[in-house]
Amino acid sequence: ETGIVRLAFLIDVNGSALESKVERSSGSGRLDEAARKALGLCKFKPATVDGKPERAWAKIEYEWKMD
């Protein structure tokens, strides 16, 4: 299976992904869900307002391909 999935996700003040949603499917539910699970393992730098961390939405694309 191959494809590109675009996810929107909410980054918490501690840098973890609180929730995510598929904005554009890869065409495979299995790949989409694998991307969402992988995103949950990542740490991000949170957004800041006046130097203080704040929750914010971000977007990312995962590309699944066979080499």
C-alpha atoms as a PDB file:
ATOM      1  CA  GLU A   1       0.000   0.000   0.000  1.00  0.00           C
ATOM      2  CA  THR A   2       1.187   3.532  -0.740  1.00  0.00           C
ATOM      3  CA  GLY A   3      -0.246   7.019  -0.372  1.00  0.00           C
ATOM      4  CA  ILE A   4      -0.048  10.356   1.372  1.00  0.00           C
ATOM      5  CA  VAL A   5      -2.186  11.188   4.388  1.00  0.00           C
ATOM      6  CA  ARG A   6      -2.581  14.752   5.688  1.00  0.00           C
ATOM      7  CA  LEU A   7      -3.263  15.058   9.414  1.00  0.00           C
ATOM      8  CA  ALA A   8      -4.279  18.003  11.561  1.00  0.00           C
ATOM      9  CA  PHE A   9      -3.266  17.651  15.200  1.00  0.00           C
ATOM     10  CA  LEU A  10      -3.500  19.584  18.445  1.00  0.00           C
ATOM     11  CA  ILE A  11      -0.172  20.150  20.221  1.00  0.00           C
ATOM     12  CA  ASP A  12      -0.412  20.530  23.992  1.00  0.00           C
ATOM     13  CA  VAL A  13       1.737  22.899  26.057  1.00  0.00           C
ATOM     14  CA  ASN A  14       4.051  19.969  26.907  1.00  0.00           C
ATOM     15  CA  GLY A  15       4.640  19.177  23.212  1.00  0.00           C
ATOM     16  CA  SER A  16       2.506  16.054  22.940  1.00  0.00           C
ATOM     17  CA  ALA A  17      -0.199  15.524  20.333  1.00  0.00           C
ATOM     18  CA  LEU A  18      -3.531  15.570  22.172  1.00  0.00           C
ATOM     19  CA  GLU A  19      -5.749  14.672  19.242  1.00  0.00           C
ATOM     20  CA  SER A  20      -5.518  14.249  15.511  1.00  0.00           C
ATOM     21  CA  LYS A  21      -7.819  13.996  12.532  1.00  0.00           C
ATOM     22  CA  VAL A  22      -7.366  12.944   8.920  1.00  0.00           C
ATOM     23  CA  GLU A  23      -7.793  15.918   6.592  1.00  0.00           C
ATOM     24  CA  ARG A  24      -6.941  13.981   3.429  1.00  0.00           C
ATOM     25  CA  SER A  25      -6.876  10.203   3.337  1.00  0.00           C
ATOM     26  CA  SER A  26      -4.145   8.153   1.713  1.00  0.00           C
ATOM     27  CA  GLY A  27      -6.901   5.947   0.331  1.00  0.00           C
ATOM     28  CA  SER A  28      -6.085   3.266   2.894  1.00  0.00           C
ATOM     29  CA  GLY A  29      -7.682   3.259   6.320  1.00  0.00           C
ATOM     30  CA  ARG A  30      -4.790   1.148   7.634  1.00  0.00           C
ATOM     31  CA  LEU A  31      -2.166   3.683   6.524  1.00  0.00           C
ATOM     32  CA  ASP A  32      -4.212   6.597   7.849  1.00  0.00           C
ATOM     33  CA  GLU A  33      -4.549   4.959  11.268  1.00  0.00           C
ATOM     34  CA  ALA A  34      -0.850   4.023  11.338  1.00  0.00           C
ATOM     35  CA  ALA A  35       0.050   7.675  10.692  1.00  0.00           C
ATOM     36  CA  ARG A  36      -2.237   8.813  13.523  1.00  0.00           C
ATOM     37  CA  LYS A  37      -0.643   6.300  15.913  1.00  0.00           C
ATOM     38  CA  ALA A  38       2.884   7.331  14.892  1.00  0.00           C
ATOM     39  CA  LEU A  39       2.005  10.978  15.470  1.00  0.00           C
ATOM     40  CA  GLY A  40       1.023  10.119  19.035  1.00  0.00           C
ATOM     41  CA  LEU A  41       4.604   8.953  19.695  1.00  0.00           C
ATOM     42  CA  CYS A  42       6.163  12.250  18.602  1.00  0.00           C
ATOM     43  CA  LYS A  43       7.092  15.300  20.665  1.00  0.00           C
ATOM     44  CA  PHE A  44       6.748  18.820  19.270  1.00  0.00           C
ATOM     45  CA  LYS A  45       7.758  22.303  20.276  1.00  0.00           C
ATOM     46  CA  PRO A  46       4.562  23.991  21.471  1.00  0.00           C
ATOM     47  CA  ALA A  47       3.377  27.312  20.130  1.00  0.00           C
ATOM     48  CA  THR A  48       3.970  30.327  22.369  1.00  0.00           C
ATOM     49  CA  VAL A  49       2.099  33.538  23.045  1.00  0.00           C
ATOM     50  CA  ASP A  50       4.027  36.225  24.938  1.00  0.00           C
ATOM     51  CA  GLY A  51       6.654  33.582  25.715  1.00  0.00           C
ATOM     52  CA  LYS A  52       4.192  31.159  27.322  1.00  0.00           C
ATOM     53  CA  PRO A  53       3.410  27.738  25.794  1.00  0.00           C
ATOM     54  CA  GLU A  54      -0.076  27.420  24.345  1.00  0.00           C
ATOM     55  CA  ARG A  55      -2.121  24.684  22.682  1.00  0.00           C
ATOM     56  CA  ALA A  56      -2.260  25.020  18.905  1.00  0.00           C
ATOM     57  CA  TRP A  57      -3.267  23.048  15.815  1.00  0.00           C
ATOM     58  CA  ALA A  58      -0.674  22.037  13.236  1.00  0.00           C
ATOM     59  CA  LYS A  59      -0.663  19.948  10.047  1.00  0.00           C
ATOM     60  CA  ILE A  60       1.634  17.270   8.698  1.00  0.00           C
ATOM     61  CA  GLU A  61       1.743  14.896   5.740  1.00  0.00           C
ATOM     62  CA  TYR A  62       2.939  11.295   5.995  1.00  0.00           C
ATOM     63  CA  GLU A  63       4.023   9.674   2.748  1.00  0.00           C
ATOM     64  CA  TRP A  64       3.867   5.895   2.581  1.00  0.00           C
ATOM     65  CA  LYS A  65       5.833   4.426  -0.313  1.00  0.00           C
ATOM     66  CA  MET A  66       7.702   1.333  -1.347  1.00  0.00           C
ATOM     67  CA  ASP A  67      11.331   1.772  -2.386  1.00  0.00           C
END
